[in-house]
C-alpha atoms as a PDB file:
ATOM      1  CA  UNK A   1       0.000   0.000   0.000  1.00  0.00           C
ATOM      2  CA  UNK A   2       1.305   3.411  -1.011  1.00  0.00           C
ATOM      3  CA  UNK A   3       1.097   6.335   1.389  1.00  0.00           C
ATOM      4  CA  UNK A   4      -0.045   9.418  -0.515  1.00  0.00           C
ATOM      5  CA  UNK A   5      -0.426  11.831   2.446  1.00  0.00           C
ATOM      6  CA  UNK A   6       1.867  11.899   5.450  1.00  0.00           C
ATOM      7  CA  UNK A   7       1.770  14.274   8.412  1.00  0.00           C
ATOM      8  CA  UNK A   8       4.303  14.243  11.225  1.00  0.00           C
ATOM      9  CA  UNK A   9       3.882  16.634  14.172  1.00  0.00           C
ATOM     10  CA  UNK A  10       2.304  19.090  11.726  1.00  0.00           C
ATOM     11  CA  UNK A  11       1.596  22.386  13.473  1.00  0.00           C
ATOM     12  CA  UNK A  12       0.219  25.786  12.450  1.00  0.00           C
ATOM     13  CA  UNK A  13       0.723  28.644  14.876  1.00  0.00           C
ATOM     14  CA  UNK A  14      -0.381  32.280  14.567  1.00  0.00           C
ATOM     15  CA  UNK A  15       1.696  34.078  17.223  1.00  0.00           C
ATOM     16  CA  UNK A  16       1.106  37.530  15.741  1.00  0.00           C
ATOM     17  CA  UNK A  17      -2.631  37.083  16.279  1.00  0.00           C
ATOM     18  CA  UNK A  18      -2.065  36.756  20.015  1.00  0.00           C
ATOM     19  CA  UNK A  19      -3.197  33.141  20.173  1.00  0.00           C
ATOM     20  CA  UNK A  20      -2.295  31.173  23.277  1.00  0.00           C
ATOM     21  CA  UNK A  21      -2.117  27.847  21.426  1.00  0.00           C
ATOM     22  CA  UNK A  22      -1.542  26.578  17.871  1.00  0.00           C
ATOM     23  CA  UNK A  23      -4.590  26.347  15.608  1.00  0.00           C
ATOM     24  CA  UNK A  24      -3.279  22.976  14.401  1.00  0.00           C
ATOM     25  CA  UNK A  25      -1.189  21.170  16.972  1.00  0.00           C
ATOM     26  CA  UNK A  26       1.028  18.189  16.201  1.00  0.00           C
ATOM     27  CA  UNK A  27      -1.096  16.211  13.737  1.00  0.00           C
ATOM     28  CA  UNK A  28       0.480  12.863  12.834  1.00  0.00           C
ATOM     29  CA  UNK A  29      -1.237  10.511  10.389  1.00  0.00           C
ATOM     30  CA  UNK A  30      -0.877   8.594   7.110  1.00  0.00           C
ATOM     31  CA  UNK A  31      -3.374   8.251   4.271  1.00  0.00           C
ATOM     32  CA  UNK A  32      -3.109   5.290   1.896  1.00  0.00           C
ATOM     33  CA  UNK A  33      -3.663   5.957  -1.810  1.00  0.00           C
ATOM     34  CA  UNK A  34      -7.200   5.109  -2.899  1.00  0.00           C
ATOM     35  CA  UNK A  35      -8.632   5.214   0.620  1.00  0.00           C
ATOM     36  CA  UNK A  36     -10.962   7.706   2.305  1.00  0.00           C
ATOM     37  CA  UNK A  37      -9.993   9.573   5.458  1.00  0.00           C
ATOM     38  CA  UNK A  38     -12.813  11.208   7.396  1.00  0.00           C
ATOM     39  CA  UNK A  39     -11.937  14.282   9.466  1.00  0.00           C
ATOM     40  CA  UNK A  40     -14.667  14.968  12.008  1.00  0.00           C
ATOM     41  CA  UNK A  41     -15.232  17.397  14.860  1.00  0.00           C
ATOM     42  CA  UNK A  42     -17.140  20.495  15.935  1.00  0.00           C
ATOM     43  CA  UNK A  43     -16.851  23.878  14.281  1.00  0.00           C
ATOM     44  CA  UNK A  44     -13.540  25.429  15.314  1.00  0.00           C
ATOM     45  CA  UNK A  45     -11.741  22.104  15.632  1.00  0.00           C
ATOM     46  CA  UNK A  46      -9.392  22.772  12.705  1.00  0.00           C
ATOM     47  CA  UNK A  47     -10.937  20.482  10.073  1.00  0.00           C
ATOM     48  CA  UNK A  48     -11.102  22.986   7.219  1.00  0.00           C
ATOM     49  CA  UNK A  49      -7.746  24.531   8.113  1.00  0.00           C
ATOM     50  CA  UNK A  50      -6.065  21.147   7.831  1.00  0.00           C
ATOM     51  CA  UNK A  51      -7.768  20.321   4.532  1.00  0.00           C
ATOM     52  CA  UNK A  52      -6.670  23.666   3.065  1.00  0.00           C
ATOM     53  CA  UNK A  53      -3.131  22.965   4.244  1.00  0.00           C
ATOM     54  CA  UNK A  54      -3.232  19.932   1.936  1.00  0.00           C
ATOM     55  CA  UNK A  55      -3.613  22.466  -0.889  1.00  0.00           C
ATOM     56  CA  UNK A  56      -0.471  24.199   0.320  1.00  0.00           C
ATOM     57  CA  UNK A  57      -2.616  27.054   1.644  1.00  0.00           C
ATOM     58  CA  UNK A  58      -1.624  28.417   5.057  1.00  0.00           C
ATOM     59  CA  UNK A  59      -2.943  31.469   6.942  1.00  0.00           C
ATOM     60  CA  UNK A  60      -1.046  34.692   6.461  1.00  0.00           C
ATOM     61  CA  UNK A  61       1.825  35.129   8.977  1.00  0.00           C
ATOM     62  CA  UNK A  62       1.483  31.488  10.058  1.00  0.00           C
ATOM     63  CA  UNK A  63       4.424  29.648  11.578  1.00  0.00           C
ATOM     64  CA  UNK A  64       4.336  26.136  10.167  1.00  0.00           C
ATOM     65  CA  UNK A  65       6.400  23.277  11.575  1.00  0.00           C
ATOM     66  CA  UNK A  66       6.598  19.516  11.290  1.00  0.00           C
ATOM     67  CA  UNK A  67       5.999  17.628   8.068  1.00  0.00           C
ATOM     68  CA  UNK A  68       3.034  17.597   5.698  1.00  0.00           C
ATOM     69  CA  UNK A  69       3.695  15.680   2.515  1.00  0.00           C
ATOM     70  CA  UNK A  70       1.359  15.020  -0.401  1.00  0.00           C
ATOM     71  CA  UNK A  71       2.902  12.593  -2.846  1.00  0.00           C
ATOM     72  CA  UNK A  72       6.466  13.782  -3.424  1.00  0.00           C
ATOM     73  CA  UNK A  73       5.782  17.381  -2.349  1.00  0.00           C
ATOM     74  CA  UNK A  74       6.660  18.648   1.133  1.00  0.00           C
ATOM     75  CA  UNK A  75       3.976  21.297   1.509  1.00  0.00           C
ATOM     76  CA  UNK A  76       5.530  23.167   4.440  1.00  0.00           C
ATOM     77  CA  UNK A  77       8.518  24.241   2.313  1.00  0.00           C
ATOM     78  CA  UNK A  78       7.306  23.942  -1.306  1.00  0.00           C
ATOM     79  CA  UNK A  79       7.954  26.799  -3.711  1.00  0.00           C
ATOM     80  CA  UNK A  80       4.881  28.711  -4.965  1.00  0.00           C
ATOM     81  CA  UNK A  81       5.228  27.309  -8.489  1.00  0.00           C
ATOM     82  CA  UNK A  82       5.318  23.759  -7.064  1.00  0.00           C
ATOM     83  CA  UNK A  83       2.143  24.423  -5.084  1.00  0.00           C
ATOM     84  CA  UNK A  84       0.410  25.844  -8.180  1.00  0.00           C
ATOM     85  CA  UNK A  85       1.339  22.751 -10.180  1.00  0.00           C
ATOM     86  CA  UNK A  86       0.070  20.527  -7.373  1.00  0.00           C
ATOM     87  CA  UNK A  87      -3.305  22.299  -7.368  1.00  0.00           C
ATOM     88  CA  UNK A  88      -3.589  22.122 -11.140  1.00  0.00           C
ATOM     89  CA  UNK A  89      -2.679  18.460 -11.505  1.00  0.00           C
ATOM     90  CA  UNK A  90      -2.860  16.475  -8.290  1.00  0.00           C
ATOM     91  CA  UNK A  91      -5.481  17.860  -5.893  1.00  0.00           C
ATOM     92  CA  UNK A  92      -9.135  18.760  -6.428  1.00  0.00           C
ATOM     93  CA  UNK A  93     -11.349  20.595  -3.928  1.00  0.00           C
ATOM     94  CA  UNK A  94     -15.115  20.441  -3.357  1.00  0.00           C
ATOM     95  CA  UNK A  95     -16.418  23.214  -1.118  1.00  0.00           C
ATOM     96  CA  UNK A  96     -19.476  23.339   1.119  1.00  0.00           C
ATOM     97  CA  UNK A  97     -21.541  25.837  -0.867  1.00  0.00           C
ATOM     98  CA  UNK A  98     -21.253  25.483  -4.648  1.00  0.00           C
ATOM     99  CA  UNK A  99     -23.144  28.742  -5.234  1.00  0.00           C
ATOM    100  CA  UNK A 100     -20.401  30.631  -3.410  1.00  0.00           C
ATOM    101  CA  UNK A 101     -17.681  28.880  -5.431  1.00  0.00           C
ATOM    102  CA  UNK A 102     -18.995  29.151  -9.007  1.00  0.00           C
ATOM    103  CA  UNK A 103     -19.119  32.527 -10.747  1.00  0.00           C
ATOM    104  CA  UNK A 104     -22.833  33.219 -11.286  1.00  0.00           C
ATOM    105  CA  UNK A 105     -22.282  35.220 -14.511  1.00  0.00           C
ATOM    106  CA  UNK A 106     -20.361  32.449 -16.287  1.00  0.00           C
ATOM    107  CA  UNK A 107     -21.860  29.391 -17.909  1.00  0.00           C
ATOM    108  CA  UNK A 108     -21.174  25.927 -16.484  1.00  0.00           C
ATOM    109  CA  UNK A 109     -18.948  25.181 -19.477  1.00  0.00           C
ATOM    110  CA  UNK A 110     -16.651  28.084 -18.605  1.00  0.00           C
ATOM    111  CA  UNK A 111     -16.383  26.956 -14.980  1.00  0.00           C
ATOM    112  CA  UNK A 112     -15.495  23.400 -15.952  1.00  0.00           C
ATOM    113  CA  UNK A 113     -12.966  23.891 -18.727  1.00  0.00           C
ATOM    114  CA  UNK A 114     -11.371  27.311 -18.270  1.00  0.00           C
ATOM    115  CA  UNK A 115      -8.701  26.176 -15.810  1.00  0.00           C
ATOM    116  CA  UNK A 116      -7.365  23.182 -17.738  1.00  0.00           C
ATOM    117  CA  UNK A 117      -7.424  25.102 -21.027  1.00  0.00           C
ATOM    118  CA  UNK A 118      -5.530  28.080 -19.632  1.00  0.00           C
ATOM    119  CA  UNK A 119      -3.004  25.735 -17.994  1.00  0.00           C
ATOM    120  CA  UNK A 120      -2.385  24.114 -21.381  1.00  0.00           C
ATOM    121  CA  UNK A 121      -3.407  20.687 -20.137  1.00  0.00           C
ATOM    122  CA  UNK A 122      -6.121  20.202 -22.778  1.00  0.00           C
ATOM    123  CA  UNK A 123      -7.376  21.924 -25.882  1.00  0.00           C
ATOM    124  CA  UNK A 124     -10.811  23.527 -25.610  1.00  0.00           C
ATOM    125  CA  UNK A 125     -12.453  20.731 -27.582  1.00  0.00           C
ATOM    126  CA  UNK A 126     -10.726  18.040 -25.477  1.00  0.00           C
ATOM    127  CA  UNK A 127     -11.693  19.792 -22.262  1.00  0.00           C
ATOM    128  CA  UNK A 128     -15.297  20.154 -23.398  1.00  0.00           C
ATOM    129  CA  UNK A 129     -15.478  16.471 -24.290  1.00  0.00           C
ATOM    130  CA  UNK A 130     -14.066  15.484 -20.896  1.00  0.00           C
ATOM    131  CA  UNK A 131     -16.436  17.857 -19.087  1.00  0.00           C
ATOM    132  CA  UNK A 132     -19.481  16.363 -20.810  1.00  0.00           C
ATOM    133  CA  UNK A 133     -18.296  12.859 -19.956  1.00  0.00           C
ATOM    134  CA  UNK A 134     -17.864  13.861 -16.306  1.00  0.00           C
ATOM    135  CA  UNK A 135     -21.312  15.435 -16.116  1.00  0.00           C
ATOM    136  CA  UNK A 136     -22.731  12.238 -17.547  1.00  0.00           C
ATOM    137  CA  UNK A 137     -20.798  10.275 -14.899  1.00  0.00           C
ATOM    138  CA  UNK A 138     -22.345  12.602 -12.321  1.00  0.00           C
ATOM    139  CA  UNK A 139     -25.738  11.330 -13.593  1.00  0.00           C
ATOM    140  CA  UNK A 140     -26.826  14.717 -14.908  1.00  0.00           C
ATOM    141  CA  UNK A 141     -29.261  14.332 -17.760  1.00  0.00           C
ATOM    142  CA  UNK A 142     -28.544  16.118 -21.039  1.00  0.00           C
ATOM    143  CA  UNK A 143     -25.012  17.200 -20.048  1.00  0.00           C
ATOM    144  CA  UNK A 144     -24.592  19.215 -23.249  1.00  0.00           C
ATOM    145  CA  UNK A 145     -27.551  21.358 -22.202  1.00  0.00           C
ATOM    146  CA  UNK A 146     -26.185  21.681 -18.651  1.00  0.00           C
ATOM    147  CA  UNK A 147     -22.944  23.058 -20.099  1.00  0.00           C
ATOM    148  CA  UNK A 148     -24.879  25.989 -21.593  1.00  0.00           C
ATOM    149  CA  UNK A 149     -26.713  26.883 -18.386  1.00  0.00           C
ATOM    150  CA  UNK A 150     -25.855  29.399 -15.674  1.00  0.00           C
ATOM    151  CA  UNK A 151     -25.480  28.330 -12.018  1.00  0.00           C
ATOM    152  CA  UNK A 152     -28.805  29.850 -10.942  1.00  0.00           C
ATOM    153  CA  UNK A 153     -30.574  27.563 -13.397  1.00  0.00           C
ATOM    154  CA  UNK A 154     -29.487  24.460 -11.464  1.00  0.00           C
ATOM    155  CA  UNK A 155     -30.643  23.037  -8.142  1.00  0.00           C
ATOM    156  CA  UNK A 156     -28.238  22.733  -5.213  1.00  0.00           C
ATOM    157  CA  UNK A 157     -27.736  19.012  -5.808  1.00  0.00           C
ATOM    158  CA  UNK A 158     -27.090  19.493  -9.524  1.00  0.00           C
ATOM    159  CA  UNK A 159     -24.642  22.291  -8.829  1.00  0.00           C
ATOM    160  CA  UNK A 160     -22.728  20.170  -6.320  1.00  0.00           C
ATOM    161  CA  UNK A 161     -22.380  17.484  -8.988  1.00  0.00           C
ATOM    162  CA  UNK A 162     -20.997  20.163 -11.302  1.00  0.00           C
ATOM    163  CA  UNK A 163     -18.517  21.072  -8.540  1.00  0.00           C
ATOM    164  CA  UNK A 164     -17.381  17.457  -8.318  1.00  0.00           C
ATOM    165  CA  UNK A 165     -16.954  17.309 -12.100  1.00  0.00           C
ATOM    166  CA  UNK A 166     -14.909  20.517 -11.958  1.00  0.00           C
ATOM    167  CA  UNK A 167     -12.672  19.070  -9.251  1.00  0.00           C
ATOM    168  CA  UNK A 168     -12.104  15.910 -11.309  1.00  0.00           C
ATOM    169  CA  UNK A 169     -11.494  17.403 -14.750  1.00  0.00           C
ATOM    170  CA  UNK A 170      -7.718  17.574 -14.228  1.00  0.00           C
ATOM    171  CA  UNK A 171      -7.772  13.912 -13.060  1.00  0.00           C
ATOM    172  CA  UNK A 172      -6.325  14.567  -9.576  1.00  0.00           C
ATOM    173  CA  UNK A 173      -5.040  11.813  -7.326  1.00  0.00           C
ATOM    174  CA  UNK A 174      -6.547  13.421  -4.201  1.00  0.00           C
ATOM    175  CA  UNK A 175     -10.015  14.932  -3.782  1.00  0.00           C
ATOM    176  CA  UNK A 176     -10.667  17.171  -0.766  1.00  0.00           C
ATOM    177  CA  UNK A 177     -14.330  17.373   0.271  1.00  0.00           C
ATOM    178  CA  UNK A 178     -14.803  20.211   2.768  1.00  0.00           C
ATOM    179  CA  UNK A 179     -18.323  19.778   4.210  1.00  0.00           C
ATOM    180  CA  UNK A 180     -19.327  18.941   0.634  1.00  0.00           C
ATOM    181  CA  UNK A 181     -22.816  17.707   1.568  1.00  0.00           C
ATOM    182  CA  UNK A 182     -23.762  20.038   4.439  1.00  0.00           C
ATOM    183  CA  UNK A 183     -25.911  22.402   2.350  1.00  0.00           C
ATOM    184  CA  UNK A 184     -27.886  19.543   0.754  1.00  0.00           C
ATOM    185  CA  UNK A 185     -31.038  17.745   1.848  1.00  0.00           C
ATOM    186  CA  UNK A 186     -30.681  14.261   3.320  1.00  0.00           C
ATOM    187  CA  UNK A 187     -31.680  12.412   0.123  1.00  0.00           C
ATOM    188  CA  UNK A 188     -29.231  14.371  -2.027  1.00  0.00           C
ATOM    189  CA  UNK A 189     -26.546  13.894   0.623  1.00  0.00           C
ATOM    190  CA  UNK A 190     -26.914  10.131   0.315  1.00  0.00           C
ATOM    191  CA  UNK A 191     -26.719  10.336  -3.486  1.00  0.00           C
ATOM    192  CA  UNK A 192     -23.548  12.469  -3.379  1.00  0.00           C
ATOM    193  CA  UNK A 193     -21.872  10.166  -0.847  1.00  0.00           C
ATOM    194  CA  UNK A 194     -22.702   7.117  -2.998  1.00  0.00           C
ATOM    195  CA  UNK A 195     -21.325   8.934  -6.031  1.00  0.00           C
ATOM    196  CA  UNK A 196     -18.085   9.838  -4.254  1.00  0.00           C
ATOM    197  CA  UNK A 197     -17.652   6.237  -3.184  1.00  0.00           C
ATOM    198  CA  UNK A 198     -18.131   5.031  -6.768  1.00  0.00           C
ATOM    199  CA  UNK A 199     -15.558   7.530  -8.007  1.00  0.00           C
ATOM    200  CA  UNK A 200     -13.074   6.383  -5.401  1.00  0.00           C
ATOM    201  CA  UNK A 201     -13.448   2.767  -6.485  1.00  0.00           C
ATOM    202  CA  UNK A 202     -13.567   3.380 -10.235  1.00  0.00           C
ATOM    203  CA  UNK A 203     -10.910   6.100 -10.517  1.00  0.00           C
ATOM    204  CA  UNK A 204      -8.685   5.179  -7.577  1.00  0.00           C
ATOM    205  CA  UNK A 205      -8.848   8.735  -6.242  1.00  0.00           C
ATOM    206  CA  UNK A 206      -8.001   9.334  -2.572  1.00  0.00           C
ATOM    207  CA  UNK A 207     -10.726  11.157  -0.613  1.00  0.00           C
ATOM    208  CA  UNK A 208     -10.361  13.476   2.366  1.00  0.00           C
ATOM    209  CA  UNK A 209     -13.912  13.893   3.682  1.00  0.00           C
ATOM    210  CA  UNK A 210     -14.312  16.771   6.147  1.00  0.00           C
ATOM    211  CA  UNK A 211     -17.587  16.716   8.066  1.00  0.00           C
ATOM    212  CA  UNK A 212     -19.231  17.289  11.439  1.00  0.00           C
ATOM    213  CA  UNK A 213     -21.533  14.301  10.804  1.00  0.00           C
ATOM    214  CA  UNK A 214     -20.084  11.025  12.110  1.00  0.00           C
ATOM    215  CA  UNK A 215     -22.923   8.936  10.694  1.00  0.00           C
ATOM    216  CA  UNK A 216     -22.293  10.333   7.219  1.00  0.00           C
ATOM    217  CA  UNK A 217     -18.566   9.702   7.567  1.00  0.00           C
ATOM    218  CA  UNK A 218     -19.387   6.139   8.529  1.00  0.00           C
ATOM    219  CA  UNK A 219     -21.015   5.585   5.140  1.00  0.00           C
ATOM    220  CA  UNK A 220     -17.908   6.527   3.176  1.00  0.00           C
ATOM    221  CA  UNK A 221     -14.673   6.622   5.151  1.00  0.00           C
ATOM    222  CA  UNK A 222     -12.170   3.834   5.810  1.00  0.00           C
ATOM    223  CA  UNK A 223     -10.451   5.753   8.612  1.00  0.00           C
ATOM    224  CA  UNK A 224     -11.695   8.427  11.015  1.00  0.00           C
ATOM    225  CA  UNK A 225      -9.608  11.241  12.455  1.00  0.00           C
ATOM    226  CA  UNK A 226     -11.426  13.005  15.295  1.00  0.00           C
ATOM    227  CA  UNK A 227     -10.146  16.569  15.737  1.00  0.00           C
ATOM    228  CA  UNK A 228     -10.720  18.869  18.681  1.00  0.00           C
ATOM    229  CA  UNK A 229      -9.088  22.273  19.256  1.00  0.00           C
ATOM    230  CA  UNK A 230      -6.548  21.485  16.547  1.00  0.00           C
ATOM    231  CA  UNK A 231      -5.450  18.155  18.032  1.00  0.00           C
ATOM    232  CA  UNK A 232      -6.171  14.554  17.035  1.00  0.00           C
ATOM    233  CA  UNK A 233      -8.265  13.015  19.793  1.00  0.00           C
ATOM    234  CA  UNK A 234      -8.758   9.631  18.172  1.00  0.00           C
ATOM    235  CA  UNK A 235      -7.666   7.898  14.974  1.00  0.00           C
ATOM    236  CA  UNK A 236      -8.572   4.475  13.657  1.00  0.00           C
ATOM    237  CA  UNK A 237     -10.711   2.314  11.350  1.00  0.00           C
ATOM    238  CA  UNK A 238     -14.143   3.897  10.973  1.00  0.00           C
ATOM    239  CA  UNK A 239     -16.224   0.875  12.000  1.00  0.00           C
ATOM    240  CA  UNK A 240     -14.190   0.391  15.174  1.00  0.00           C
ATOM    241  CA  UNK A 241     -14.189   4.056  16.153  1.00  0.00           C
ATOM    242  CA  UNK A 242     -17.971   4.294  15.741  1.00  0.00           C
ATOM    243  CA  UNK A 243     -18.741   1.006  17.518  1.00  0.00           C
ATOM    244  CA  UNK A 244     -16.277   1.378  20.415  1.00  0.00           C
ATOM    245  CA  UNK A 245     -14.881   4.897  20.801  1.00  0.00           C
ATOM    246  CA  UNK A 246     -11.747   5.177  22.934  1.00  0.00           C
ATOM    247  CA  UNK A 247     -11.920   8.920  23.642  1.00  0.00           C
ATOM    248  CA  UNK A 248     -14.698  10.635  25.650  1.00  0.00           C
ATOM    249  CA  UNK A 249     -15.018  13.325  22.971  1.00  0.00           C
ATOM    250  CA  UNK A 250     -15.721  10.765  20.237  1.00  0.00           C
ATOM    251  CA  UNK A 251     -18.247   9.034  22.467  1.00  0.00           C
ATOM    252  CA  UNK A 252     -19.925  12.358  23.286  1.00  0.00           C
ATOM    253  CA  UNK A 253     -20.201  13.235  19.590  1.00  0.00           C
ATOM    254  CA  UNK A 254     -21.853   9.882  18.916  1.00  0.00           C
ATOM    255  CA  UNK A 255     -24.270  10.315  21.823  1.00  0.00           C
ATOM    256  CA  UNK A 256     -25.366  13.715  20.522  1.00  0.00           C
ATOM    257  CA  UNK A 257     -26.054  12.443  16.992  1.00  0.00           C
ATOM    258  CA  UNK A 258     -29.793  12.244  16.124  1.00  0.00           C
ATOM    259  CA  UNK A 259     -31.022   8.778  15.123  1.00  0.00           C
ATOM    260  CA  UNK A 260     -34.246   7.421  13.673  1.00  0.00           C
ATOM    261  CA  UNK A 261     -34.173   4.424  16.007  1.00  0.00           C
ATOM    262  CA  UNK A 262     -34.602   4.500  19.779  1.00  0.00           C
ATOM    263  CA  UNK A 263     -36.810   6.478  22.116  1.00  0.00           C
ATOM    264  CA  UNK A 264     -38.224   9.470  20.219  1.00  0.00           C
ATOM    265  CA  UNK A 265     -39.164  11.184  23.500  1.00  0.00           C
ATOM    266  CA  UNK A 266     -35.640  11.033  24.902  1.00  0.00           C
ATOM    267  CA  UNK A 267     -33.865  14.394  25.053  1.00  0.00           C
ATOM    268  CA  UNK A 268     -30.865  14.515  22.738  1.00  0.00           C
ATOM    269  CA  UNK A 269     -27.666  14.761  24.836  1.00  0.00           C
ATOM    270  CA  UNK A 270     -25.318  17.667  24.221  1.00  0.00           C
ATOM    271  CA  UNK A 271     -21.697  18.388  25.074  1.00  0.00           C
ATOM    272  CA  UNK A 272     -21.538  21.147  27.718  1.00  0.00           C
ATOM    273  CA  UNK A 273     -19.343  24.173  27.172  1.00  0.00           C
ATOM    274  CA  UNK A 274     -17.588  25.299  23.998  1.00  0.00           C
ATOM    275  CA  UNK A 275     -14.418  24.432  22.091  1.00  0.00           C
ATOM    276  CA  UNK A 276     -11.325  25.804  23.826  1.00  0.00           C
ATOM    277  CA  UNK A 277     -10.843  29.323  22.389  1.00  0.00           C
ATOM    278  CA  UNK A 278      -7.556  30.256  20.749  1.00  0.00           C
ATOM    279  CA  UNK A 279      -7.066  32.843  23.471  1.00  0.00           C
ATOM    280  CA  UNK A 280      -6.729  30.040  26.049  1.00  0.00           C
ATOM    281  CA  UNK A 281      -4.212  27.253  26.474  1.00  0.00           C
ATOM    282  CA  UNK A 282      -4.784  24.027  28.394  1.00  0.00           C
ATOM    283  CA  UNK A 283      -2.010  22.614  30.612  1.00  0.00           C
ATOM    284  CA  UNK A 284      -3.243  19.113  29.879  1.00  0.00           C
ATOM    285  CA  UNK A 285      -6.040  17.668  27.746  1.00  0.00           C
ATOM    286  CA  UNK A 286      -7.776  20.338  25.650  1.00  0.00           C
ATOM    287  CA  UNK A 287     -11.123  18.579  26.236  1.00  0.00           C
ATOM    288  CA  UNK A 288     -10.721  18.386  30.021  1.00  0.00           C
ATOM    289  CA  UNK A 289     -13.054  21.298  30.848  1.00  0.00           C
ATOM    290  CA  UNK A 290     -15.936  19.555  29.028  1.00  0.00           C
ATOM    291  CA  UNK A 291     -15.214  15.924  29.954  1.00  0.00           C
ATOM    292  CA  UNK A 292     -17.269  14.173  32.633  1.00  0.00           C
ATOM    293  CA  UNK A 293     -14.429  11.718  33.281  1.00  0.00           C
ATOM    294  CA  UNK A 294     -11.741  14.311  33.946  1.00  0.00           C
ATOM    295  CA  UNK A 295      -9.095  13.378  36.526  1.00  0.00           C
ATOM    296  CA  UNK A 296      -6.162  15.248  38.041  1.00  0.00           C
ATOM    297  CA  UNK A 297      -3.891  13.477  35.586  1.00  0.00           C
ATOM    298  CA  UNK A 298      -5.851  15.008  32.677  1.00  0.00           C
ATOM    299  CA  UNK A 299      -4.925  18.554  33.703  1.00  0.00           C
ATOM    300  CA  UNK A 300      -1.399  18.084  35.073  1.00  0.00           C
ATOM    301  CA  UNK A 301       0.478  17.713  31.777  1.00  0.00           C
ATOM    302  CA  UNK A 302       0.204  17.156  28.059  1.00  0.00           C
ATOM    303  CA  UNK A 303      -1.610  13.969  26.999  1.00  0.00           C
ATOM    304  CA  UNK A 304       0.065  12.135  24.118  1.00  0.00           C
ATOM    305  CA  UNK A 305      -1.652  10.359  21.224  1.00  0.00           C
ATOM    306  CA  UNK A 306      -0.819   6.710  21.911  1.00  0.00           C
ATOM    307  CA  UNK A 307      -1.615   3.342  20.373  1.00  0.00           C
ATOM    308  CA  UNK A 308      -4.444   1.696  22.315  1.00  0.00           C
ATOM    309  CA  UNK A 309      -5.096  -1.227  19.934  1.00  0.00           C
ATOM    310  CA  UNK A 310      -3.760  -2.382  16.540  1.00  0.00           C
ATOM    311  CA  UNK A 311      -4.376   0.471  14.099  1.00  0.00           C
ATOM    312  CA  UNK A 312      -6.013   2.660  16.766  1.00  0.00           C
ATOM    313  CA  UNK A 313      -4.712   5.691  18.634  1.00  0.00           C
ATOM    314  CA  UNK A 314      -6.280   7.864  21.311  1.00  0.00           C
ATOM    315  CA  UNK A 315      -5.268  10.949  23.311  1.00  0.00           C
ATOM    316  CA  UNK A 316      -6.684   9.969  26.690  1.00  0.00           C
ATOM    317  CA  UNK A 317      -5.418   8.779  30.081  1.00  0.00           C
ATOM    318  CA  UNK A 318      -7.864   5.856  29.873  1.00  0.00           C
ATOM    319  CA  UNK A 319      -6.830   2.792  27.850  1.00  0.00           C
ATOM    320  CA  UNK A 320     -10.555   1.988  27.749  1.00  0.00           C
ATOM    321  CA  UNK A 321     -13.398   4.348  28.509  1.00  0.00           C
ATOM    322  CA  UNK A 322     -15.304   3.867  31.768  1.00  0.00           C
ATOM    323  CA  UNK A 323     -18.128   1.377  31.321  1.00  0.00           C
ATOM    324  CA  UNK A 324     -20.909   3.994  31.448  1.00  0.00           C
ATOM    325  CA  UNK A 325     -19.323   5.938  28.538  1.00  0.00           C
ATOM    326  CA  UNK A 326     -19.072   3.019  26.110  1.00  0.00           C
END
């Protein structure tokens, strides 16, 4: 198995902004080519910031340390022209809101083919042919007619399929999906997730699926990375993480997820408090002030991400969660 993404103690700090802690703090993980990594967590956990770092995009005045490698490119030290080439050829991005990402005064054809034509990757006729084929693969009827339309003539689900086609037109090896289904209704979400899974199998593309929805990640991802306050709380095979979480934060996220089964009159649990603000630093676990299992050990020093089972890592003083949390 080939590792296509590798992070080692990857950290992003913004000292000039007066932050008391890094916005991304010591992420270490590997992503195998052709697999799907799910990055989950609350708003403010660092999910989108990490996914944009995989595009070689870092906040202004950021201090970046550690290693973040995509293919043969070390992103923390890559030259601007190397990063541009990477974005043109190797990495595609699907954003949360397609209407905010597609120019409303340009036709769909212009959105899809302009980049690869200007980069000299394809002639206009070749690009148009590939775009139509991709729209057809996206299960859009009459793709030639779709090419002539403007974004406001398409529904949200149709436009997200156009976004996916646009991300794939350069035939990237990695596809970043940043909350790519959040703005869609549940039925369309399921269709998009099924489509992404088909593309992964058929094209061999590696997916990074950023979401706050663990159940949705469970439908698509091979591995789950649970982020909180810029740190990895838990990492492991999706089925195992969802069935037997090893970190209280993962378990709390699962408990607060709405489900169709169970007692409909039961109040949905919530996680008290808020994500640790960037203006505050924690002497120990960053989740300690919200955790019902906090001990003195949790707040007396940094908690490392350690192996708790084959293929599984957790940043917690407990090897196994207390029985009532499982």
